[in-house]
Structure formats: C-alpha cells, structure tokens
C-alpha cells in the first residue's frame, strides 16, 4: 500500500471523470493538490512513509464529526428552526409572486428590473430551504432506521 501514490490515484480519477465528461468539483482539485504536496514532503522526509496509514485516523475522525447522525440531526434541527423563522414571510412572498405572475401575464414585467432579480433571489432561497428540509428529513429517516432496526 505504501507504494500507491495518492496523487497519482487522484490524477487517474480525474482522467476518468474527464473521459466520461463528468464535472469535477473544485474541492477535489484542491484535495489532489494538497495530497500531492503532503505526500511529496512526507516521502522526502522518510521514503518508507505510508500516507494511507498516516491519514486513516485523521479521516476517521473527520468522518465521525461530519457524517455522524447526531451531528446531522443537530444540523437538521438548526435548519428547521431557520425555516420556521421564515414561515411567517411565506404569505408575503406568495403575494409578491402572484403580483409578478399577473404582470407577466399582462406583458408588463421587465426581467431586467430590480423586482425580477429580487424574486429570483427569493426563489433560490426557497429552493435552498426546500433542499435543506428534504436532506434533513432524509437524514432523520436514515437515523431512525439505523437506531430502531
């Protein structure tokens, strides 16, 4: 395992994603750069360094922190409270959307106006809120299934 280069492995992964026209996330590019640097420095200091053994406990701790069902449940509760705080604004947002739809139907709405841009921002916020709720519910269901299995 110590002979496997993490940098080369990630490089091959990116070649495969490019070959199949898959989009590469910027975080992975930064990860590749970091791993190549760390691996290079570690091998200069000690040619027998096994980067996989060194990184295993760090990755395990990170996974526990980030992917822990309890942490995910706490995230869900925090996000749900944010959604509930915005719930009273929903009728106002819906009224504004209705007004804009009426203007569009009458041909009086210019998409370059500030109102249109504001509406798009609200739409994006609502979509993000919806996605967070769905993600939180999914995590909660998985957590319940794991705990009560």
N, C-alpha and C. Protein backbone atom coordinates (compact mmCIF):
# COMPACT_ATOMS: atom_id res chain seq x y z
N UNK A 1 0.83 -1.19 0.00
CA UNK A 1 0.00 0.00 0.00
C UNK A 1 0.87 1.25 0.00
N UNK A 2 2.03 1.18 0.64
CA UNK A 2 2.87 2.39 0.71
C UNK A 2 3.38 2.81 -0.66
N UNK A 3 3.38 1.89 -1.63
CA UNK A 3 3.85 2.21 -2.97
C UNK A 3 2.77 2.88 -3.82
N UNK A 4 1.54 2.91 -3.32
CA UNK A 4 0.46 3.56 -4.06
C UNK A 4 0.54 5.06 -3.81
N UNK A 5 0.63 5.81 -4.87
CA UNK A 5 0.70 7.26 -4.77
C UNK A 5 -0.71 7.85 -4.76
N UNK A 6 -1.02 8.56 -3.69
CA UNK A 6 -2.33 9.21 -3.60
C UNK A 6 -2.53 10.22 -4.70
N UNK A 7 -1.48 10.96 -5.01
CA UNK A 7 -1.56 11.96 -6.08
C UNK A 7 -1.85 11.33 -7.43
N UNK A 8 -1.15 10.23 -7.72
CA UNK A 8 -1.37 9.54 -9.00
C UNK A 8 -2.77 8.94 -9.05
N UNK A 9 -3.21 8.41 -7.91
CA UNK A 9 -4.55 7.81 -7.84
C UNK A 9 -5.62 8.87 -8.13
N UNK A 10 -5.49 10.03 -7.50
CA UNK A 10 -6.44 11.11 -7.76
C UNK A 10 -6.35 11.61 -9.20
N UNK A 11 -5.13 11.66 -9.72
CA UNK A 11 -4.94 12.08 -11.10
C UNK A 11 -5.68 11.14 -12.05
N UNK A 12 -5.58 9.84 -11.80
CA UNK A 12 -6.30 8.86 -12.62
C UNK A 12 -7.81 9.04 -12.49
N UNK A 13 -8.26 9.34 -11.28
CA UNK A 13 -9.68 9.58 -11.06
C UNK A 13 -10.16 10.75 -11.91
N UNK A 14 -9.37 11.82 -11.94
CA UNK A 14 -9.75 12.99 -12.73
C UNK A 14 -9.72 12.70 -14.23
N UNK A 15 -8.78 11.87 -14.66
CA UNK A 15 -8.74 11.48 -16.07
C UNK A 15 -10.00 10.73 -16.45
N UNK A 16 -10.45 9.86 -15.56
CA UNK A 16 -11.67 9.09 -15.82
C UNK A 16 -12.88 10.01 -15.88
N UNK A 17 -12.96 10.96 -14.94
CA UNK A 17 -14.10 11.88 -14.95
C UNK A 17 -14.10 12.72 -16.23
N UNK A 18 -12.92 13.10 -16.69
CA UNK A 18 -12.83 13.88 -17.93
C UNK A 18 -13.22 13.03 -19.13
N UNK A 19 -12.79 11.78 -19.13
CA UNK A 19 -13.08 10.87 -20.24
C UNK A 19 -14.59 10.69 -20.42
N UNK A 20 -15.32 10.64 -19.32
CA UNK A 20 -16.76 10.42 -19.38
C UNK A 20 -17.56 11.73 -19.25
N UNK A 21 -16.87 12.86 -19.47
CA UNK A 21 -17.50 14.19 -19.44
C UNK A 21 -18.24 14.45 -18.13
N UNK A 22 -17.66 14.02 -17.04
CA UNK A 22 -18.24 14.28 -15.72
C UNK A 22 -17.62 15.56 -15.18
N UNK A 23 -18.40 16.31 -14.41
CA UNK A 23 -17.89 17.56 -13.85
C UNK A 23 -17.07 17.27 -12.60
N UNK A 24 -15.88 17.87 -12.54
CA UNK A 24 -15.01 17.69 -11.38
C UNK A 24 -15.26 18.83 -10.40
N UNK A 25 -15.46 18.49 -9.15
CA UNK A 25 -15.70 19.51 -8.13
C UNK A 25 -14.38 20.15 -7.72
N UNK A 26 -14.44 21.44 -7.47
CA UNK A 26 -13.23 22.20 -7.12
C UNK A 26 -12.59 21.67 -5.84
N UNK A 27 -13.43 21.16 -4.91
CA UNK A 27 -12.87 20.63 -3.67
C UNK A 27 -11.93 19.46 -3.95
N UNK A 28 -12.27 18.66 -4.97
CA UNK A 28 -11.42 17.51 -5.29
C UNK A 28 -10.10 17.96 -5.90
N UNK A 29 -10.14 19.03 -6.68
CA UNK A 29 -8.89 19.55 -7.23
C UNK A 29 -7.98 20.06 -6.12
N UNK A 30 -8.58 20.76 -5.16
CA UNK A 30 -7.79 21.26 -4.03
C UNK A 30 -7.27 20.10 -3.18
N UNK A 31 -8.10 19.06 -3.03
CA UNK A 31 -7.67 17.88 -2.30
C UNK A 31 -6.49 17.22 -3.00
N UNK A 32 -6.57 17.10 -4.32
CA UNK A 32 -5.47 16.49 -5.07
C UNK A 32 -4.18 17.28 -4.87
N UNK A 33 -4.27 18.58 -4.99
CA UNK A 33 -3.08 19.42 -4.83
C UNK A 33 -2.49 19.24 -3.43
N UNK A 34 -3.34 19.27 -2.42
CA UNK A 34 -2.87 19.12 -1.04
C UNK A 34 -2.23 17.76 -0.82
N UNK A 35 -2.88 16.71 -1.33
CA UNK A 35 -2.34 15.36 -1.13
C UNK A 35 -1.00 15.17 -1.83
N UNK A 36 -0.86 15.75 -3.01
CA UNK A 36 0.40 15.63 -3.73
C UNK A 36 1.52 16.32 -2.94
N UNK A 37 1.23 17.49 -2.41
CA UNK A 37 2.24 18.22 -1.62
C UNK A 37 2.59 17.45 -0.36
N UNK A 38 1.57 17.01 0.39
CA UNK A 38 1.80 16.28 1.64
C UNK A 38 2.58 14.99 1.36
N UNK A 39 2.16 14.28 0.34
CA UNK A 39 2.83 13.02 0.01
C UNK A 39 4.29 13.27 -0.39
N UNK A 40 4.52 14.32 -1.17
CA UNK A 40 5.89 14.63 -1.59
C UNK A 40 6.78 14.99 -0.42
N UNK A 41 6.28 15.82 0.49
CA UNK A 41 7.06 16.21 1.66
C UNK A 41 7.32 15.00 2.55
N UNK A 42 6.28 14.19 2.77
CA UNK A 42 6.43 13.01 3.64
C UNK A 42 7.45 12.04 3.06
N UNK A 43 7.44 11.84 1.76
CA UNK A 43 8.39 10.89 1.16
C UNK A 43 9.81 11.45 1.13
N UNK A 44 9.95 12.77 1.10
CA UNK A 44 11.29 13.37 1.19
C UNK A 44 11.86 13.16 2.59
N UNK A 45 11.00 13.30 3.60
CA UNK A 45 11.45 13.12 4.98
C UNK A 45 11.72 11.66 5.30
N UNK A 46 10.86 10.78 4.80
CA UNK A 46 11.01 9.35 5.05
C UNK A 46 10.46 8.59 3.84
N UNK A 47 11.36 8.01 3.02
CA UNK A 47 10.91 7.32 1.81
C UNK A 47 9.96 6.14 2.08
N UNK A 48 9.97 5.61 3.29
CA UNK A 48 9.09 4.49 3.62
C UNK A 48 7.75 4.94 4.19
N UNK A 49 7.47 6.22 4.13
CA UNK A 49 6.22 6.75 4.67
C UNK A 49 5.03 6.16 3.93
N UNK A 50 4.05 5.71 4.71
CA UNK A 50 2.81 5.20 4.13
C UNK A 50 1.73 6.24 4.40
N UNK A 51 1.43 7.04 3.39
CA UNK A 51 0.49 8.14 3.54
C UNK A 51 -0.90 7.65 3.94
N UNK A 52 -1.24 6.43 3.54
CA UNK A 52 -2.56 5.87 3.85
C UNK A 52 -2.69 5.59 5.35
N UNK A 53 -1.64 5.03 5.94
CA UNK A 53 -1.68 4.77 7.39
C UNK A 53 -1.71 6.06 8.20
N UNK A 54 -0.99 7.06 7.70
CA UNK A 54 -0.95 8.34 8.40
C UNK A 54 -2.31 9.04 8.34
N UNK A 55 -2.94 9.00 7.18
CA UNK A 55 -4.19 9.75 7.01
C UNK A 55 -5.42 9.02 7.53
N UNK A 56 -5.33 7.72 7.77
CA UNK A 56 -6.51 6.95 8.19
C UNK A 56 -7.15 7.49 9.47
N UNK A 57 -6.40 7.70 10.58
CA UNK A 57 -7.07 8.20 11.79
C UNK A 57 -7.65 9.60 11.61
N UNK A 58 -6.97 10.42 10.82
CA UNK A 58 -7.47 11.78 10.59
C UNK A 58 -8.79 11.73 9.83
N UNK A 59 -8.83 10.90 8.79
CA UNK A 59 -10.07 10.78 8.01
C UNK A 59 -11.19 10.16 8.82
N UNK A 60 -10.86 9.18 9.66
CA UNK A 60 -11.89 8.56 10.50
C UNK A 60 -12.50 9.58 11.46
N UNK A 61 -11.65 10.40 12.09
CA UNK A 61 -12.15 11.44 13.00
C UNK A 61 -13.02 12.45 12.25
N UNK A 62 -12.56 12.84 11.07
CA UNK A 62 -13.32 13.80 10.28
C UNK A 62 -14.68 13.22 9.90
N UNK A 63 -14.69 11.97 9.47
CA UNK A 63 -15.96 11.34 9.11
C UNK A 63 -16.90 11.26 10.30
N UNK A 64 -16.35 10.97 11.47
CA UNK A 64 -17.19 10.93 12.68
C UNK A 64 -17.81 12.29 12.95
N UNK A 65 -17.02 13.34 12.79
CA UNK A 65 -17.53 14.69 13.05
C UNK A 65 -18.55 15.12 12.01
N UNK A 66 -18.23 14.91 10.75
CA UNK A 66 -19.05 15.44 9.68
C UNK A 66 -20.27 14.57 9.38
N UNK A 67 -20.10 13.28 9.38
CA UNK A 67 -21.17 12.37 8.96
C UNK A 67 -21.89 11.70 10.12
N UNK A 68 -21.57 12.06 11.33
CA UNK A 68 -22.21 11.47 12.50
C UNK A 68 -23.71 11.80 12.49
N UNK A 69 -24.57 10.79 12.67
CA UNK A 69 -26.01 11.03 12.64
C UNK A 69 -26.47 12.06 13.67
N UNK A 70 -25.82 12.09 14.83
CA UNK A 70 -26.20 13.07 15.86
C UNK A 70 -25.92 14.49 15.36
N UNK A 71 -24.74 14.68 14.76
CA UNK A 71 -24.41 16.00 14.21
C UNK A 71 -25.36 16.38 13.08
N UNK A 72 -25.70 15.41 12.25
CA UNK A 72 -26.64 15.66 11.16
C UNK A 72 -28.01 16.03 11.71
N UNK A 73 -28.43 15.34 12.78
CA UNK A 73 -29.72 15.66 13.40
C UNK A 73 -29.70 17.07 13.97
N UNK A 74 -28.59 17.45 14.61
CA UNK A 74 -28.46 18.82 15.13
C UNK A 74 -28.51 19.85 14.01
N UNK A 75 -27.84 19.55 12.90
CA UNK A 75 -27.88 20.43 11.73
C UNK A 75 -29.31 20.59 11.25
N UNK A 76 -30.02 19.45 11.19
CA UNK A 76 -31.40 19.47 10.72
C UNK A 76 -32.26 20.34 11.63
N UNK A 77 -32.09 20.19 12.93
CA UNK A 77 -32.87 20.99 13.89
C UNK A 77 -32.58 22.48 13.70
N UNK A 78 -31.31 22.82 13.54
CA UNK A 78 -30.95 24.23 13.33
C UNK A 78 -31.55 24.78 12.04
N UNK A 79 -31.46 23.99 10.97
CA UNK A 79 -32.00 24.44 9.69
C UNK A 79 -33.52 24.51 9.74
N UNK A 80 -34.15 23.55 10.43
CA UNK A 80 -35.60 23.57 10.55
C UNK A 80 -36.06 24.81 11.31
N UNK A 81 -35.30 25.20 12.33
CA UNK A 81 -35.68 26.40 13.08
C UNK A 81 -35.56 27.64 12.20
N UNK A 82 -34.55 27.66 11.31
CA UNK A 82 -34.42 28.78 10.38
C UNK A 82 -35.61 28.82 9.42
N UNK A 83 -36.03 27.66 8.97
CA UNK A 83 -37.19 27.59 8.08
C UNK A 83 -38.43 28.09 8.80
N UNK A 84 -38.60 27.65 10.03
CA UNK A 84 -39.78 28.07 10.81
C UNK A 84 -39.77 29.58 11.05
N UNK A 85 -38.59 30.16 11.21
CA UNK A 85 -38.50 31.61 11.38
C UNK A 85 -38.99 32.36 10.14
N UNK A 86 -38.75 31.76 8.96
CA UNK A 86 -39.14 32.41 7.71
C UNK A 86 -40.56 32.08 7.30
N UNK A 87 -41.18 31.12 7.97
CA UNK A 87 -42.53 30.70 7.60
C UNK A 87 -43.54 31.84 7.61
N UNK A 88 -43.51 32.76 8.58
CA UNK A 88 -44.47 33.87 8.54
C UNK A 88 -44.32 34.75 7.29
N UNK A 89 -43.14 34.76 6.67
CA UNK A 89 -42.93 35.56 5.46
C UNK A 89 -43.53 34.92 4.22
N UNK A 90 -43.89 33.66 4.31
CA UNK A 90 -44.35 32.92 3.13
C UNK A 90 -45.57 33.56 2.47
N UNK A 91 -46.60 33.99 3.20
CA UNK A 91 -47.74 34.63 2.52
C UNK A 91 -47.34 35.89 1.75
N UNK A 92 -46.42 36.67 2.32
CA UNK A 92 -45.97 37.89 1.64
C UNK A 92 -45.24 37.52 0.35
N UNK A 93 -44.37 36.53 0.44
CA UNK A 93 -43.63 36.08 -0.74
C UNK A 93 -44.59 35.57 -1.81
N UNK A 94 -45.59 34.80 -1.38
CA UNK A 94 -46.57 34.27 -2.34
C UNK A 94 -47.37 35.41 -2.98
N UNK A 95 -47.73 36.43 -2.20
CA UNK A 95 -48.45 37.58 -2.77
C UNK A 95 -47.59 38.30 -3.81
N UNK A 96 -46.31 38.48 -3.49
CA UNK A 96 -45.40 39.13 -4.44
C UNK A 96 -45.28 38.30 -5.72
N UNK A 97 -45.16 36.99 -5.55
CA UNK A 97 -45.07 36.11 -6.71
C UNK A 97 -46.34 36.20 -7.55
N UNK A 98 -47.48 36.25 -6.90
CA UNK A 98 -48.75 36.37 -7.61
C UNK A 98 -48.82 37.69 -8.39
N UNK A 99 -48.37 38.77 -7.76
CA UNK A 99 -48.35 40.07 -8.44
C UNK A 99 -47.46 40.03 -9.68
N UNK A 100 -46.31 39.42 -9.55
CA UNK A 100 -45.38 39.32 -10.67
C UNK A 100 -45.98 38.46 -11.78
N UNK A 101 -46.62 37.36 -11.41
CA UNK A 101 -47.24 36.49 -12.42
C UNK A 101 -48.33 37.26 -13.18
N UNK A 102 -49.07 38.10 -12.48
CA UNK A 102 -50.09 38.92 -13.12
C UNK A 102 -49.44 39.88 -14.11
N UNK A 103 -48.35 40.52 -13.70
CA UNK A 103 -47.64 41.44 -14.59
C UNK A 103 -47.09 40.72 -15.82
N UNK A 104 -46.58 39.52 -15.61
CA UNK A 104 -46.05 38.74 -16.74
C UNK A 104 -47.18 38.41 -17.70
N UNK A 105 -48.32 37.98 -17.16
CA UNK A 105 -49.46 37.62 -18.00
C UNK A 105 -49.95 38.82 -18.80
N UNK A 106 -49.85 40.01 -18.23
CA UNK A 106 -50.29 41.23 -18.91
C UNK A 106 -49.19 41.81 -19.81
N UNK A 107 -48.00 41.20 -19.79
CA UNK A 107 -46.90 41.68 -20.62
C UNK A 107 -46.26 42.95 -20.10
N UNK A 108 -46.43 43.24 -18.82
CA UNK A 108 -45.91 44.48 -18.23
C UNK A 108 -44.66 44.27 -17.39
N UNK A 109 -44.12 43.08 -17.40
CA UNK A 109 -42.99 42.79 -16.50
C UNK A 109 -41.70 42.75 -17.28
N UNK A 110 -40.72 43.52 -16.85
CA UNK A 110 -39.41 43.56 -17.49
C UNK A 110 -38.43 42.75 -16.65
N UNK A 111 -37.85 41.68 -17.22
CA UNK A 111 -36.94 40.83 -16.43
C UNK A 111 -35.66 41.52 -15.99
N UNK A 112 -35.39 42.72 -16.47
CA UNK A 112 -34.17 43.43 -16.07
C UNK A 112 -34.39 44.32 -14.85
N UNK A 113 -35.59 44.32 -14.31
CA UNK A 113 -35.87 45.19 -13.17
C UNK A 113 -35.34 44.58 -11.88
N UNK A 114 -35.24 45.44 -10.89
CA UNK A 114 -34.77 45.02 -9.57
C UNK A 114 -35.75 44.03 -8.94
N UNK A 115 -37.04 44.22 -9.20
CA UNK A 115 -38.05 43.31 -8.64
C UNK A 115 -37.85 41.89 -9.16
N UNK A 116 -37.51 41.77 -10.44
CA UNK A 116 -37.29 40.45 -11.02
C UNK A 116 -36.07 39.79 -10.38
N UNK A 117 -35.02 40.54 -10.22
CA UNK A 117 -33.80 40.00 -9.60
C UNK A 117 -34.07 39.60 -8.15
N UNK A 118 -34.84 40.42 -7.46
CA UNK A 118 -35.20 40.11 -6.07
C UNK A 118 -36.03 38.84 -6.01
N UNK A 119 -36.94 38.69 -6.95
CA UNK A 119 -37.78 37.50 -7.00
C UNK A 119 -36.93 36.25 -7.25
N UNK A 120 -35.97 36.36 -8.15
CA UNK A 120 -35.08 35.22 -8.42
C UNK A 120 -34.29 34.84 -7.17
N UNK A 121 -33.83 35.85 -6.43
CA UNK A 121 -33.09 35.58 -5.20
C UNK A 121 -33.98 34.86 -4.18
N UNK A 122 -35.22 35.31 -4.06
CA UNK A 122 -36.16 34.66 -3.13
C UNK A 122 -36.43 33.23 -3.57
N UNK A 123 -36.56 33.03 -4.88
CA UNK A 123 -36.79 31.69 -5.41
C UNK A 123 -35.63 30.78 -5.05
N UNK A 124 -34.41 31.27 -5.23
CA UNK A 124 -33.23 30.48 -4.89
C UNK A 124 -33.18 30.17 -3.40
N UNK A 125 -33.54 31.16 -2.57
CA UNK A 125 -33.57 30.93 -1.13
C UNK A 125 -34.58 29.86 -0.76
N UNK A 126 -35.76 29.93 -1.39
CA UNK A 126 -36.80 28.92 -1.11
C UNK A 126 -36.36 27.54 -1.57
N UNK A 127 -35.72 27.47 -2.74
CA UNK A 127 -35.23 26.17 -3.22
C UNK A 127 -34.18 25.61 -2.28
N UNK A 128 -33.28 26.46 -1.80
CA UNK A 128 -32.26 26.03 -0.86
C UNK A 128 -32.90 25.54 0.43
N UNK A 129 -33.89 26.28 0.90
CA UNK A 129 -34.59 25.90 2.13
C UNK A 129 -35.27 24.54 1.94
N UNK A 130 -35.92 24.37 0.79
CA UNK A 130 -36.58 23.09 0.49
C UNK A 130 -35.58 21.95 0.47
N UNK A 131 -34.44 22.17 -0.17
CA UNK A 131 -33.42 21.13 -0.25
C UNK A 131 -32.88 20.77 1.13
N UNK A 132 -32.70 21.78 1.97
CA UNK A 132 -32.21 21.52 3.32
C UNK A 132 -33.23 20.71 4.12
N UNK A 133 -34.50 21.06 3.96
CA UNK A 133 -35.55 20.32 4.67
C UNK A 133 -35.57 18.87 4.20
N UNK A 134 -35.55 18.68 2.89
CA UNK A 134 -35.57 17.31 2.36
C UNK A 134 -34.34 16.53 2.81
N UNK A 135 -33.18 17.16 2.77
CA UNK A 135 -31.96 16.50 3.23
C UNK A 135 -32.05 16.14 4.70
N UNK A 136 -32.55 17.07 5.49
CA UNK A 136 -32.69 16.81 6.92
C UNK A 136 -33.67 15.69 7.20
N UNK A 137 -34.79 15.67 6.49
CA UNK A 137 -35.77 14.60 6.68
C UNK A 137 -35.16 13.26 6.29
N UNK A 138 -34.41 13.25 5.19
CA UNK A 138 -33.76 12.02 4.75
C UNK A 138 -32.78 11.52 5.79
N UNK A 139 -31.97 12.41 6.33
CA UNK A 139 -31.01 12.03 7.37
C UNK A 139 -31.75 11.52 8.60
N UNK A 140 -32.83 12.19 8.96
CA UNK A 140 -33.61 11.77 10.13
C UNK A 140 -34.21 10.38 9.92
N UNK A 141 -34.74 10.12 8.73
CA UNK A 141 -35.30 8.80 8.44
C UNK A 141 -34.22 7.74 8.51
N UNK A 142 -33.07 8.01 7.92
CA UNK A 142 -31.96 7.04 7.96
C UNK A 142 -31.53 6.81 9.40
N UNK A 143 -31.44 7.88 10.17
CA UNK A 143 -31.05 7.77 11.58
C UNK A 143 -32.06 6.91 12.34
N UNK A 144 -33.34 7.15 12.14
CA UNK A 144 -34.38 6.37 12.82
C UNK A 144 -34.30 4.91 12.40
N UNK A 145 -34.09 4.66 11.11
CA UNK A 145 -33.98 3.28 10.64
C UNK A 145 -32.78 2.57 11.25
N UNK A 146 -31.67 3.28 11.39
CA UNK A 146 -30.48 2.67 11.97
C UNK A 146 -30.68 2.41 13.45
N UNK A 147 -31.23 3.38 14.16
CA UNK A 147 -31.38 3.26 15.61
C UNK A 147 -32.43 2.21 15.98
N UNK A 148 -33.54 2.18 15.26
CA UNK A 148 -34.64 1.30 15.64
C UNK A 148 -34.72 0.03 14.80
N UNK A 149 -33.65 -0.31 14.12
CA UNK A 149 -33.64 -1.53 13.31
C UNK A 149 -33.65 -2.76 14.15
